[in-house]
């Protein structure tokens, strides 16, 4: 029972439900590669790989940042600093999740298997970037952004440069909302000597950088739409993303971060799901 109890706490710690951020974009990559739905076998193992990879990354991040989280009043109640989980259990969870990810990659194709250690390295090493660079937000974005390209490889066994437009879009999308999220740790990051864009540019400047990141994201989505010759439904999906991003940014102001969680969790989950729905519908109806 202790293992099940620890597993429940671990799932809460890594916010496994937030897989919704990257998974729909991975499915977009898979469907673009297949020209419709990929096979059930491919779809199953892509989902397993996505959930396992994200679980490993989040648990590793909590382990790597345990001392930082303990010192930050906002995060001191998390499972590791609060003593609800042992470091050994979390490391074991990372190892098992990573093994499941590699297993899933092996069930897809040879290139997916060969690149699985590279993907894990990107996902795990992100945890240390805030210690050395203010641009860690984009590193996190890239860690999630590789999902659609990885899904393309999972389906095709090779990489088409066109799908890199979606990787770039996700990179700047995640980078933008991570800048927003980092605003709440502005004072702590300054005191702890951690690097973030809010620390260097202030909250007002960081909000503008997040807007620029999201504007760049829209540019890449338009490029994706054009190079794949998508139809009206996909175009509507891009428009919906634009409107939702405008609403997201309207929720956060330099002197009022009270709605930050709504902007970060709710709106970005909605953005990823709706974009996938429109792209999937466009592909299936045209097929």
C-alpha atoms as a PDB file:
ATOM      1  CA  UNK A   1       0.000   0.000   0.000  1.00  0.00           C
ATOM      2  CA  UNK A   2       2.914   2.331   0.695  1.00  0.00           C
ATOM      3  CA  UNK A   3       4.002   2.070  -2.941  1.00  0.00           C
ATOM      4  CA  UNK A   4       0.488   2.935  -4.165  1.00  0.00           C
ATOM      5  CA  UNK A   5       0.345   5.849  -1.722  1.00  0.00           C
ATOM      6  CA  UNK A   6       3.709   7.129  -2.980  1.00  0.00           C
ATOM      7  CA  UNK A   7       2.598   6.671  -6.579  1.00  0.00           C
ATOM      8  CA  UNK A   8      -0.545   8.731  -5.968  1.00  0.00           C
ATOM      9  CA  UNK A   9       1.499  11.527  -4.425  1.00  0.00           C
ATOM     10  CA  UNK A  10       3.995  11.297  -7.295  1.00  0.00           C
ATOM     11  CA  UNK A  11       1.241  11.665  -9.899  1.00  0.00           C
ATOM     12  CA  UNK A  12       0.006  14.739  -8.020  1.00  0.00           C
ATOM     13  CA  UNK A  13       3.572  16.074  -7.844  1.00  0.00           C
ATOM     14  CA  UNK A  14       4.235  15.781 -11.581  1.00  0.00           C
ATOM     15  CA  UNK A  15       0.746  17.044 -12.514  1.00  0.00           C
ATOM     16  CA  UNK A  16       0.346  14.175 -14.950  1.00  0.00           C
ATOM     17  CA  UNK A  17      -2.894  15.690 -16.230  1.00  0.00           C
ATOM     18  CA  UNK A  18      -0.840  18.535 -17.708  1.00  0.00           C
ATOM     19  CA  UNK A  19       0.324  16.108 -20.388  1.00  0.00           C
ATOM     20  CA  UNK A  20      -2.553  17.819 -22.205  1.00  0.00           C
ATOM     21  CA  UNK A  21      -0.168  20.669 -23.064  1.00  0.00           C
ATOM     22  CA  UNK A  22       2.085  18.744 -25.461  1.00  0.00           C
ATOM     23  CA  UNK A  23       0.115  15.594 -26.285  1.00  0.00           C
ATOM     24  CA  UNK A  24      -2.374  17.245 -28.707  1.00  0.00           C
ATOM     25  CA  UNK A  25       0.517  18.797 -30.641  1.00  0.00           C
ATOM     26  CA  UNK A  26       2.222  15.395 -30.794  1.00  0.00           C
ATOM     27  CA  UNK A  27      -0.999  13.949 -32.190  1.00  0.00           C
ATOM     28  CA  UNK A  28      -1.063  16.758 -34.764  1.00  0.00           C
ATOM     29  CA  UNK A  29       2.413  15.711 -35.859  1.00  0.00           C
ATOM     30  CA  UNK A  30       1.338  12.073 -36.083  1.00  0.00           C
ATOM     31  CA  UNK A  31      -1.756  12.899 -38.123  1.00  0.00           C
ATOM     32  CA  UNK A  32       0.128  15.192 -40.495  1.00  0.00           C
ATOM     33  CA  UNK A  33       2.651  12.403 -41.041  1.00  0.00           C
ATOM     34  CA  UNK A  34      -0.082   9.826 -41.684  1.00  0.00           C
ATOM     35  CA  UNK A  35      -2.381  12.128 -43.664  1.00  0.00           C
ATOM     36  CA  UNK A  36      -5.123  11.134 -41.222  1.00  0.00           C
ATOM     37  CA  UNK A  37      -5.207   8.800 -38.258  1.00  0.00           C
ATOM     38  CA  UNK A  38      -2.034   6.750 -37.741  1.00  0.00           C
ATOM     39  CA  UNK A  39      -2.441   3.052 -37.019  1.00  0.00           C
ATOM     40  CA  UNK A  40      -3.796   1.993 -33.623  1.00  0.00           C
ATOM     41  CA  UNK A  41      -0.387   0.497 -32.821  1.00  0.00           C
ATOM     42  CA  UNK A  42       1.393   3.770 -33.597  1.00  0.00           C
ATOM     43  CA  UNK A  43      -1.174   5.890 -31.776  1.00  0.00           C
ATOM     44  CA  UNK A  44      -1.006   3.741 -28.638  1.00  0.00           C
ATOM     45  CA  UNK A  45       2.775   3.775 -28.375  1.00  0.00           C
ATOM     46  CA  UNK A  46       3.024   7.499 -29.197  1.00  0.00           C
ATOM     47  CA  UNK A  47       0.680   8.245 -26.288  1.00  0.00           C
ATOM     48  CA  UNK A  48       2.609   5.904 -23.972  1.00  0.00           C
ATOM     49  CA  UNK A  49       5.894   7.536 -25.011  1.00  0.00           C
ATOM     50  CA  UNK A  50       4.526  11.040 -24.467  1.00  0.00           C
ATOM     51  CA  UNK A  51       3.118  10.355 -21.002  1.00  0.00           C
ATOM     52  CA  UNK A  52       6.215   8.412 -19.908  1.00  0.00           C
ATOM     53  CA  UNK A  53       8.637  11.061 -21.182  1.00  0.00           C
ATOM     54  CA  UNK A  54       6.774  13.893 -19.510  1.00  0.00           C
ATOM     55  CA  UNK A  55       6.463  11.934 -16.259  1.00  0.00           C
ATOM     56  CA  UNK A  56      10.205  11.289 -16.217  1.00  0.00           C
ATOM     57  CA  UNK A  57      10.969  14.941 -16.965  1.00  0.00           C
ATOM     58  CA  UNK A  58       8.647  16.361 -14.319  1.00  0.00           C
ATOM     59  CA  UNK A  59       9.758  13.961 -11.597  1.00  0.00           C
ATOM     60  CA  UNK A  60      13.413  14.634 -12.421  1.00  0.00           C
ATOM     61  CA  UNK A  61      12.733  18.375 -12.282  1.00  0.00           C
ATOM     62  CA  UNK A  62      11.191  18.042  -8.823  1.00  0.00           C
ATOM     63  CA  UNK A  63      14.187  15.983  -7.663  1.00  0.00           C
ATOM     64  CA  UNK A  64      16.759  18.377  -9.157  1.00  0.00           C
ATOM     65  CA  UNK A  65      14.969  21.433  -7.735  1.00  0.00           C
ATOM     66  CA  UNK A  66      14.131  20.008  -4.298  1.00  0.00           C
ATOM     67  CA  UNK A  67      16.418  22.402  -2.415  1.00  0.00           C
ATOM     68  CA  UNK A  68      15.232  25.388  -4.463  1.00  0.00           C
ATOM     69  CA  UNK A  69      11.582  24.418  -3.942  1.00  0.00           C
ATOM     70  CA  UNK A  70      12.171  24.106  -0.197  1.00  0.00           C
ATOM     71  CA  UNK A  71      13.493  27.674  -0.059  1.00  0.00           C
ATOM     72  CA  UNK A  72      10.657  29.140  -2.142  1.00  0.00           C
ATOM     73  CA  UNK A  73       7.477  29.809  -0.097  1.00  0.00           C
ATOM     74  CA  UNK A  74       5.348  29.142  -3.191  1.00  0.00           C
ATOM     75  CA  UNK A  75       6.756  25.624  -3.664  1.00  0.00           C
ATOM     76  CA  UNK A  76       7.848  24.577  -0.165  1.00  0.00           C
ATOM     77  CA  UNK A  77       4.756  22.372   0.253  1.00  0.00           C
ATOM     78  CA  UNK A  78       5.630  20.203  -2.750  1.00  0.00           C
ATOM     79  CA  UNK A  79       6.077  16.511  -2.069  1.00  0.00           C
ATOM     80  CA  UNK A  80       9.875  16.336  -1.841  1.00  0.00           C
ATOM     81  CA  UNK A  81      10.615  19.437   0.266  1.00  0.00           C
ATOM     82  CA  UNK A  82       7.640  18.603   2.483  1.00  0.00           C
ATOM     83  CA  UNK A  83       8.967  15.082   3.046  1.00  0.00           C
ATOM     84  CA  UNK A  84       5.969  13.275   1.556  1.00  0.00           C
ATOM     85  CA  UNK A  85       8.256  11.393  -0.845  1.00  0.00           C
ATOM     86  CA  UNK A  86      11.855  10.259  -0.531  1.00  0.00           C
ATOM     87  CA  UNK A  87      14.452  11.282  -3.130  1.00  0.00           C
ATOM     88  CA  UNK A  88      15.157   7.580  -3.736  1.00  0.00           C
ATOM     89  CA  UNK A  89      11.512   6.889  -4.636  1.00  0.00           C
ATOM     90  CA  UNK A  90      11.398   9.840  -7.043  1.00  0.00           C
ATOM     91  CA  UNK A  91      14.647   8.767  -8.735  1.00  0.00           C
ATOM     92  CA  UNK A  92      13.235   5.250  -9.091  1.00  0.00           C
ATOM     93  CA  UNK A  93      10.111   6.718 -10.684  1.00  0.00           C
ATOM     94  CA  UNK A  94      12.286   8.660 -13.159  1.00  0.00           C
ATOM     95  CA  UNK A  95      14.202   5.499 -14.079  1.00  0.00           C
ATOM     96  CA  UNK A  96      11.035   3.452 -14.600  1.00  0.00           C
ATOM     97  CA  UNK A  97       9.341   6.214 -16.622  1.00  0.00           C
ATOM     98  CA  UNK A  98      12.448   6.609 -18.785  1.00  0.00           C
ATOM     99  CA  UNK A  99      12.554   2.844 -19.380  1.00  0.00           C
ATOM    100  CA  UNK A 100       8.887   2.874 -20.428  1.00  0.00           C
ATOM    101  CA  UNK A 101       9.648   5.724 -22.829  1.00  0.00           C
ATOM    102  CA  UNK A 102      12.515   3.811 -24.447  1.00  0.00           C
ATOM    103  CA  UNK A 103      10.321   0.703 -24.647  1.00  0.00           C
ATOM    104  CA  UNK A 104       7.599   2.712 -26.388  1.00  0.00           C
ATOM    105  CA  UNK A 105      10.135   4.137 -28.835  1.00  0.00           C
ATOM    106  CA  UNK A 106      11.367   0.626 -29.615  1.00  0.00           C
ATOM    107  CA  UNK A 107       7.824  -0.397 -30.531  1.00  0.00           C
ATOM    108  CA  UNK A 108       7.587   2.352 -33.141  1.00  0.00           C
ATOM    109  CA  UNK A 109      10.654   2.153 -35.381  1.00  0.00           C
ATOM    110  CA  UNK A 110      14.438   2.038 -35.341  1.00  0.00           C
ATOM    111  CA  UNK A 111      14.984   5.797 -35.657  1.00  0.00           C
ATOM    112  CA  UNK A 112      12.616   6.479 -32.758  1.00  0.00           C
ATOM    113  CA  UNK A 113      14.611   4.065 -30.620  1.00  0.00           C
ATOM    114  CA  UNK A 114      17.967   5.535 -31.640  1.00  0.00           C
ATOM    115  CA  UNK A 115      16.817   9.078 -30.865  1.00  0.00           C
ATOM    116  CA  UNK A 116      15.101   8.230 -27.550  1.00  0.00           C
ATOM    117  CA  UNK A 117      18.249   8.908 -25.435  1.00  0.00           C
ATOM    118  CA  UNK A 118      18.640  12.291 -27.160  1.00  0.00           C
ATOM    119  CA  UNK A 119      15.037  13.181 -26.341  1.00  0.00           C
ATOM    120  CA  UNK A 120      15.525  12.118 -22.716  1.00  0.00           C
ATOM    121  CA  UNK A 121      18.683  14.213 -22.451  1.00  0.00           C
ATOM    122  CA  UNK A 122      16.815  17.318 -23.629  1.00  0.00           C
ATOM    123  CA  UNK A 123      13.928  16.650 -21.258  1.00  0.00           C
ATOM    124  CA  UNK A 124      16.052  15.986 -18.184  1.00  0.00           C
ATOM    125  CA  UNK A 125      18.839  18.522 -18.644  1.00  0.00           C
ATOM    126  CA  UNK A 126      16.306  21.353 -18.928  1.00  0.00           C
ATOM    127  CA  UNK A 127      15.994  21.203 -15.141  1.00  0.00           C
ATOM    128  CA  UNK A 128      19.438  22.778 -14.726  1.00  0.00           C
ATOM    129  CA  UNK A 129      19.167  25.561 -17.287  1.00  0.00           C
ATOM    130  CA  UNK A 130      17.599  28.105 -14.919  1.00  0.00           C
ATOM    131  CA  UNK A 131      20.853  28.015 -13.006  1.00  0.00           C
ATOM    132  CA  UNK A 132      22.868  29.203 -16.012  1.00  0.00           C
ATOM    133  CA  UNK A 133      20.706  31.110 -18.518  1.00  0.00           C
ATOM    134  CA  UNK A 134      17.768  33.494 -18.567  1.00  0.00           C
ATOM    135  CA  UNK A 135      16.523  31.740 -21.729  1.00  0.00           C
ATOM    136  CA  UNK A 136      15.571  28.530 -19.930  1.00  0.00           C
ATOM    137  CA  UNK A 137      11.944  29.243 -20.906  1.00  0.00           C
ATOM    138  CA  UNK A 138      12.791  28.474 -24.532  1.00  0.00           C
ATOM    139  CA  UNK A 139      14.702  25.348 -23.516  1.00  0.00           C
ATOM    140  CA  UNK A 140      11.532  24.142 -21.799  1.00  0.00           C
ATOM    141  CA  UNK A 141       9.620  25.117 -24.916  1.00  0.00           C
ATOM    142  CA  UNK A 142      11.957  23.037 -27.073  1.00  0.00           C
ATOM    143  CA  UNK A 143      11.642  20.092 -24.681  1.00  0.00           C
ATOM    144  CA  UNK A 144       7.902  20.065 -25.377  1.00  0.00           C
ATOM    145  CA  UNK A 145       8.315  21.279 -28.934  1.00  0.00           C
ATOM    146  CA  UNK A 146      10.132  18.138 -30.064  1.00  0.00           C
ATOM    147  CA  UNK A 147       6.891  16.190 -29.482  1.00  0.00           C
ATOM    148  CA  UNK A 148       5.316  16.767 -32.941  1.00  0.00           C
ATOM    149  CA  UNK A 149       8.598  16.042 -34.732  1.00  0.00           C
ATOM    150  CA  UNK A 150       9.087  12.912 -32.632  1.00  0.00           C
ATOM    151  CA  UNK A 151       5.544  11.820 -33.487  1.00  0.00           C
ATOM    152  CA  UNK A 152       6.249  12.389 -37.178  1.00  0.00           C
ATOM    153  CA  UNK A 153       9.327  10.166 -36.896  1.00  0.00           C
ATOM    154  CA  UNK A 154       7.247   7.590 -35.014  1.00  0.00           C
ATOM    155  CA  UNK A 155       4.868   7.351 -37.973  1.00  0.00           C
ATOM    156  CA  UNK A 156       7.204   7.831 -40.944  1.00  0.00           C
ATOM    157  CA  UNK A 157      10.534   6.560 -39.640  1.00  0.00           C
ATOM    158  CA  UNK A 158      12.173   9.737 -40.980  1.00  0.00           C
ATOM    159  CA  UNK A 159      11.986  13.496 -40.449  1.00  0.00           C
ATOM    160  CA  UNK A 160      10.332  15.950 -42.839  1.00  0.00           C
ATOM    161  CA  UNK A 161      11.671  19.511 -42.322  1.00  0.00           C
ATOM    162  CA  UNK A 162       8.140  20.894 -42.651  1.00  0.00           C
ATOM    163  CA  UNK A 163       7.125  19.504 -39.250  1.00  0.00           C
ATOM    164  CA  UNK A 164       9.884  21.588 -37.658  1.00  0.00           C
ATOM    165  CA  UNK A 165       7.546  24.562 -38.090  1.00  0.00           C
ATOM    166  CA  UNK A 166       5.222  22.979 -35.530  1.00  0.00           C
ATOM    167  CA  UNK A 167       8.175  22.235 -33.255  1.00  0.00           C
ATOM    168  CA  UNK A 168       9.157  25.913 -33.462  1.00  0.00           C
ATOM    169  CA  UNK A 169       5.561  27.017 -32.822  1.00  0.00           C
ATOM    170  CA  UNK A 170       5.277  24.861 -29.693  1.00  0.00           C
ATOM    171  CA  UNK A 171       8.708  26.030 -28.513  1.00  0.00           C
ATOM    172  CA  UNK A 172       7.669  29.690 -28.531  1.00  0.00           C
ATOM    173  CA  UNK A 173       4.171  28.920 -27.236  1.00  0.00           C
ATOM    174  CA  UNK A 174       5.531  27.104 -24.178  1.00  0.00           C
ATOM    175  CA  UNK A 175       8.348  29.622 -23.784  1.00  0.00           C
ATOM    176  CA  UNK A 176       5.780  32.420 -23.724  1.00  0.00           C
ATOM    177  CA  UNK A 177       3.500  30.944 -21.106  1.00  0.00           C
ATOM    178  CA  UNK A 178       6.485  29.836 -19.000  1.00  0.00           C
ATOM    179  CA  UNK A 179       7.659  33.461 -18.945  1.00  0.00           C
ATOM    180  CA  UNK A 180       4.197  34.393 -17.651  1.00  0.00           C
ATOM    181  CA  UNK A 181       4.380  31.677 -15.009  1.00  0.00           C
ATOM    182  CA  UNK A 182       7.868  32.764 -13.916  1.00  0.00           C
ATOM    183  CA  UNK A 183       6.587  36.251 -13.084  1.00  0.00           C
ATOM    184  CA  UNK A 184       5.249  34.979  -9.776  1.00  0.00           C
ATOM    185  CA  UNK A 185       8.807  34.026  -8.709  1.00  0.00           C
ATOM    186  CA  UNK A 186      10.332  37.384  -9.644  1.00  0.00           C
ATOM    187  CA  UNK A 187      11.413  38.280  -6.095  1.00  0.00           C
ATOM    188  CA  UNK A 188      12.577  34.777  -5.215  1.00  0.00           C
ATOM    189  CA  UNK A 189      14.653  34.374  -8.384  1.00  0.00           C
ATOM    190  CA  UNK A 190      16.439  37.656  -7.697  1.00  0.00           C
ATOM    191  CA  UNK A 191      17.240  36.637  -4.126  1.00  0.00           C
ATOM    192  CA  UNK A 192      18.285  33.091  -5.010  1.00  0.00           C
ATOM    193  CA  UNK A 193      20.425  34.102  -7.984  1.00  0.00           C
ATOM    194  CA  UNK A 194      18.332  32.090 -10.429  1.00  0.00           C
ATOM    195  CA  UNK A 195      18.015  33.167 -14.046  1.00  0.00           C
ATOM    196  CA  UNK A 196      14.716  34.045 -15.678  1.00  0.00           C
ATOM    197  CA  UNK A 197      13.462  36.705 -18.062  1.00  0.00           C
ATOM    198  CA  UNK A 198      11.274  38.371 -15.382  1.00  0.00           C
ATOM    199  CA  UNK A 199      14.332  38.707 -13.143  1.00  0.00           C
ATOM    200  CA  UNK A 200      16.304  40.557 -15.822  1.00  0.00           C
ATOM    201  CA  UNK A 201      13.552  42.562 -17.520  1.00  0.00           C
ATOM    202  CA  UNK A 202      11.042  43.005 -14.710  1.00  0.00           C
ATOM    203  CA  UNK A 203       7.459  41.774 -14.800  1.00  0.00           C
ATOM    204  CA  UNK A 204       6.265  44.404 -17.275  1.00  0.00           C
ATOM    205  CA  UNK A 205       9.135  43.649 -19.655  1.00  0.00           C
ATOM    206  CA  UNK A 206       8.604  39.907 -19.262  1.00  0.00           C
ATOM    207  CA  UNK A 207       4.947  40.230 -20.210  1.00  0.00           C
ATOM    208  CA  UNK A 208       5.958  41.976 -23.435  1.00  0.00           C
ATOM    209  CA  UNK A 209       8.513  39.260 -24.197  1.00  0.00           C
ATOM    210  CA  UNK A 210       5.810  36.624 -23.673  1.00  0.00           C
ATOM    211  CA  UNK A 211       3.608  38.487 -26.157  1.00  0.00           C
ATOM    212  CA  UNK A 212       6.430  38.551 -28.702  1.00  0.00           C
ATOM    213  CA  UNK A 213       7.029  34.822 -28.203  1.00  0.00           C
ATOM    214  CA  UNK A 214       3.360  34.109 -28.845  1.00  0.00           C
ATOM    215  CA  UNK A 215       3.339  36.365 -31.898  1.00  0.00           C
ATOM    216  CA  UNK A 216       6.272  34.332 -33.254  1.00  0.00           C
ATOM    217  CA  UNK A 217       4.310  31.169 -32.497  1.00  0.00           C
ATOM    218  CA  UNK A 218       1.418  32.391 -34.636  1.00  0.00           C
ATOM    219  CA  UNK A 219       3.848  33.119 -37.468  1.00  0.00           C
ATOM    220  CA  UNK A 220       5.106  29.536 -37.372  1.00  0.00           C
ATOM    221  CA  UNK A 221       1.540  28.174 -37.283  1.00  0.00           C
ATOM    222  CA  UNK A 222       0.705  30.201 -40.388  1.00  0.00           C
ATOM    223  CA  UNK A 223       3.832  28.808 -42.037  1.00  0.00           C
ATOM    224  CA  UNK A 224       2.722  25.277 -41.086  1.00  0.00           C
ATOM    225  CA  UNK A 225      -0.701  25.952 -42.594  1.00  0.00           C
ATOM    226  CA  UNK A 226       0.858  27.103 -45.847  1.00  0.00           C
ATOM    227  CA  UNK A 227       3.487  24.403 -46.370  1.00  0.00           C
ATOM    228  CA  UNK A 228       1.014  21.597 -45.696  1.00  0.00           C
ATOM    229  CA  UNK A 229      -1.684  23.198 -47.831  1.00  0.00           C
ATOM    230  CA  UNK A 230      -4.264  22.943 -45.068  1.00  0.00           C
ATOM    231  CA  UNK A 231      -7.903  23.921 -45.492  1.00  0.00           C
ATOM    232  CA  UNK A 232     -10.409  26.287 -43.921  1.00  0.00           C
ATOM    233  CA  UNK A 233     -10.873  24.325 -40.702  1.00  0.00           C
ATOM    234  CA  UNK A 234      -7.156  24.433 -39.939  1.00  0.00           C
ATOM    235  CA  UNK A 235      -7.157  28.163 -40.714  1.00  0.00           C
ATOM    236  CA  UNK A 236     -10.022  28.551 -38.251  1.00  0.00           C
ATOM    237  CA  UNK A 237      -7.946  26.628 -35.717  1.00  0.00           C
ATOM    238  CA  UNK A 238      -5.096  29.133 -36.069  1.00  0.00           C
ATOM    239  CA  UNK A 239      -7.585  31.982 -35.612  1.00  0.00           C
ATOM    240  CA  UNK A 240      -8.964  30.349 -32.461  1.00  0.00           C
ATOM    241  CA  UNK A 241      -5.423  30.073 -31.076  1.00  0.00           C
ATOM    242  CA  UNK A 242      -4.885  33.797 -31.752  1.00  0.00           C
ATOM    243  CA  UNK A 243      -8.097  34.740 -29.929  1.00  0.00           C
ATOM    244  CA  UNK A 244      -7.347  32.495 -26.961  1.00  0.00           C
ATOM    245  CA  UNK A 245      -3.823  33.882 -26.647  1.00  0.00           C
ATOM    246  CA  UNK A 246      -5.203  37.424 -26.666  1.00  0.00           C
ATOM    247  CA  UNK A 247      -7.580  36.447 -23.881  1.00  0.00           C
ATOM    248  CA  UNK A 248      -4.771  34.710 -21.964  1.00  0.00           C
ATOM    249  CA  UNK A 249      -2.636  37.842 -22.025  1.00  0.00           C
ATOM    250  CA  UNK A 250      -5.591  39.976 -20.970  1.00  0.00           C
ATOM    251  CA  UNK A 251      -5.748  37.974 -17.728  1.00  0.00           C
ATOM    252  CA  UNK A 252      -2.230  38.910 -16.606  1.00  0.00           C
ATOM    253  CA  UNK A 253      -1.155  42.462 -15.788  1.00  0.00           C
ATOM    254  CA  UNK A 254       2.086  43.805 -14.288  1.00  0.00           C
ATOM    255  CA  UNK A 255       0.289  44.813 -11.089  1.00  0.00           C
ATOM    256  CA  UNK A 256      -2.137  41.884 -10.971  1.00  0.00           C
ATOM    257  CA  UNK A 257      -0.991  38.263 -11.284  1.00  0.00           C
ATOM    258  CA  UNK A 258      -4.011  36.851  -9.450  1.00  0.00           C
ATOM    259  CA  UNK A 259      -5.356  35.158 -12.583  1.00  0.00           C
ATOM    260  CA  UNK A 260      -2.018  33.647 -13.564  1.00  0.00           C
ATOM    261  CA  UNK A 261      -3.061  30.064 -12.856  1.00  0.00           C
ATOM    262  CA  UNK A 262      -6.111  30.446 -15.094  1.00  0.00           C
ATOM    263  CA  UNK A 263      -3.923  31.881 -17.854  1.00  0.00           C
ATOM    264  CA  UNK A 264      -1.298  29.182 -17.453  1.00  0.00           C
ATOM    265  CA  UNK A 265      -3.220  25.968 -16.835  1.00  0.00           C
ATOM    266  CA  UNK A 266      -6.729  26.415 -18.196  1.00  0.00           C
ATOM    267  CA  UNK A 267      -6.136  28.531 -21.275  1.00  0.00           C
ATOM    268  CA  UNK A 268      -3.110  26.627 -22.542  1.00  0.00           C
ATOM    269  CA  UNK A 269      -4.853  23.290 -22.140  1.00  0.00           C
ATOM    270  CA  UNK A 270      -7.771  24.654 -24.158  1.00  0.00           C
ATOM    271  CA  UNK A 271      -5.426  26.060 -26.827  1.00  0.00           C
ATOM    272  CA  UNK A 272      -3.643  22.759 -27.445  1.00  0.00           C
ATOM    273  CA  UNK A 273      -6.815  20.663 -27.512  1.00  0.00           C
ATOM    274  CA  UNK A 274      -8.764  22.984 -29.811  1.00  0.00           C
ATOM    275  CA  UNK A 275      -5.884  23.374 -32.248  1.00  0.00           C
ATOM    276  CA  UNK A 276      -5.635  19.590 -32.500  1.00  0.00           C
ATOM    277  CA  UNK A 277      -9.397  19.261 -33.008  1.00  0.00           C
ATOM    278  CA  UNK A 278      -9.392  21.742 -35.892  1.00  0.00           C
ATOM    279  CA  UNK A 279      -6.308  20.255 -37.572  1.00  0.00           C
ATOM    280  CA  UNK A 280      -7.601  16.686 -37.156  1.00  0.00           C
ATOM    281  CA  UNK A 281     -11.015  17.654 -38.543  1.00  0.00           C
ATOM    282  CA  UNK A 282      -9.394  19.421 -41.499  1.00  0.00           C
ATOM    283  CA  UNK A 283      -7.250  16.383 -42.349  1.00  0.00           C
ATOM    284  CA  UNK A 284     -10.054  13.859 -41.946  1.00  0.00           C
ATOM    285  CA  UNK A 285     -12.630  15.801 -43.917  1.00  0.00           C
ATOM    286  CA  UNK A 286     -10.220  16.484 -46.777  1.00  0.00           C
ATOM    287  CA  UNK A 287      -9.212  12.826 -46.810  1.00  0.00           C
END
